[in-house]
Amino acid sequence: MTTRIARWIVGGIVGAIGIVLVAASPALASASSTMATFTRAASSYTSPTHGSMAIEGFEVGDQVEAVCFVNAAYTEGTDVWLRIANSHGGGWVSRSVLDVAPVTPC
């Protein structure tokens, strides 16, 4: 076998592996966000603490997109704060006021 043919074969194998990885990547990736429902009235904040500026108020039953979480200021029985996305740019909400499936760390 010539060097040129060997290079084509290796290039074809590498290309095929690349196509398989690209096609499989959405299935391998974990969900980056999930819907969360407020279990009581609350506000979102500019940082993961009640001491920061409130951005927006929410009522029981309002839904937002929970993007990720951090461990931060301990409040209302938890130190988990969720980064949320909504029409006003998101913010941070204490895990204690949301009904949400687990999300990935930020």
Protein backbone atom coordinates (compact mmCIF):
# COMPACT_ATOMS: atom_id res chain seq x y z
CA MET A 1 0.00 0.00 0.00
CA THR A 2 1.32 3.41 -0.87
CA THR A 3 1.75 6.19 1.64
CA ARG A 4 -0.89 8.25 -0.12
CA ILE A 5 -3.55 5.51 0.18
CA ALA A 6 -2.64 4.91 3.83
CA ARG A 7 -3.14 8.62 4.55
CA TRP A 8 -6.58 8.53 2.86
CA ILE A 9 -7.61 5.54 4.94
CA VAL A 10 -6.44 7.16 8.19
CA GLY A 11 -8.08 10.45 7.20
CA GLY A 12 -11.33 8.65 6.43
CA ILE A 13 -11.32 6.88 9.80
CA VAL A 14 -10.57 10.10 11.68
CA GLY A 15 -13.30 11.91 9.72
CA ALA A 16 -15.83 9.17 10.47
CA ILE A 17 -15.00 9.31 14.19
CA GLY A 18 -15.44 13.08 14.13
CA ILE A 19 -18.87 12.78 12.50
CA VAL A 20 -19.97 10.22 15.10
CA LEU A 21 -18.80 12.46 17.97
CA VAL A 22 -20.56 15.52 16.56
CA ALA A 23 -23.77 13.58 16.00
CA ALA A 24 -23.64 12.08 19.51
CA SER A 25 -22.70 15.28 21.37
CA PRO A 26 -26.29 16.49 21.99
CA ALA A 27 -27.15 13.12 23.48
CA LEU A 28 -24.02 13.12 25.66
CA ALA A 29 -24.48 16.66 26.95
CA SER A 30 -26.38 17.12 30.18
CA ALA A 31 -29.34 19.45 30.31
CA SER A 32 -28.13 22.96 31.00
CA SER A 33 -31.39 24.22 32.45
CA THR A 34 -34.78 23.12 33.71
CA MET A 35 -38.08 24.76 34.58
CA ALA A 36 -38.66 25.70 38.22
CA THR A 37 -41.89 26.67 39.97
CA PHE A 38 -42.11 29.09 42.91
CA THR A 39 -43.60 27.44 45.99
CA ARG A 40 -44.01 30.82 47.71
CA ALA A 41 -43.68 34.49 46.83
CA ALA A 42 -40.06 35.58 46.48
CA SER A 43 -37.66 37.86 44.65
CA SER A 44 -34.64 37.29 42.45
CA TYR A 45 -31.43 39.09 43.41
CA THR A 46 -28.33 40.47 41.67
CA SER A 47 -26.09 38.05 43.61
CA PRO A 48 -26.74 34.91 45.69
CA THR A 49 -27.65 36.68 48.92
CA HIS A 50 -30.71 38.50 50.25
CA GLY A 51 -28.41 41.45 51.00
CA SER A 52 -28.04 42.24 47.30
CA MET A 53 -30.47 44.27 45.20
CA ALA A 54 -33.81 42.63 44.36
CA ILE A 55 -34.47 42.40 40.63
CA GLU A 56 -37.98 41.02 40.28
CA GLY A 57 -40.77 39.66 42.46
CA PHE A 58 -42.48 36.33 41.82
CA GLU A 59 -45.76 34.82 43.02
CA VAL A 60 -46.61 31.24 43.96
CA GLY A 61 -46.86 29.19 40.76
CA ASP A 62 -44.68 31.47 38.61
CA GLN A 63 -42.22 29.51 36.50
CA VAL A 64 -38.65 30.39 35.55
CA GLU A 65 -35.76 28.63 33.91
CA ALA A 66 -33.19 27.37 36.46
CA VAL A 67 -29.79 27.42 34.74
CA CYS A 68 -27.32 26.27 37.41
CA PHE A 69 -26.59 26.47 41.14
CA VAL A 70 -23.95 27.71 43.60
CA ASN A 71 -23.43 27.29 47.32
CA ALA A 72 -23.57 30.77 48.82
CA ALA A 73 -25.35 32.67 51.62
CA TYR A 74 -27.20 30.35 54.02
CA THR A 75 -30.84 31.34 54.18
CA GLU A 76 -34.12 29.63 55.04
CA GLY A 77 -32.53 26.23 55.61
CA THR A 78 -30.26 26.05 52.57
CA ASP A 79 -27.10 27.55 51.11
CA VAL A 80 -28.05 26.60 47.53
CA TRP A 81 -28.87 29.47 45.19
CA LEU A 82 -30.10 28.98 41.64
CA ARG A 83 -29.19 31.17 38.69
CA ILE A 84 -32.42 31.83 36.81
CA ALA A 85 -33.26 33.17 33.38
CA ASN A 86 -36.42 35.18 32.77
CA SER A 87 -37.68 38.15 30.81
CA HIS A 88 -35.84 40.65 33.05
CA GLY A 89 -32.43 39.05 32.68
CA GLY A 90 -32.56 36.53 35.49
CA GLY A 91 -30.74 36.73 38.75
CA TRP A 92 -30.33 34.49 41.80
CA VAL A 93 -33.05 32.80 43.86
CA SER A 94 -32.74 30.75 47.05
CA ARG A 95 -33.46 27.05 46.50
CA SER A 96 -35.88 27.21 49.44
CA VAL A 97 -38.57 28.96 47.37
CA LEU A 98 -38.46 26.77 44.25
CA ASP A 99 -39.68 23.33 43.28
CA VAL A 100 -37.03 22.23 40.79
CA ALA A 101 -35.22 19.13 39.60
CA PRO A 102 -31.47 19.05 40.19
CA VAL A 103 -29.41 21.34 37.95
CA THR A 104 -25.69 21.46 37.26
CA PRO A 105 -23.22 23.63 39.21
CA CYS A 106 -22.39 27.02 37.66
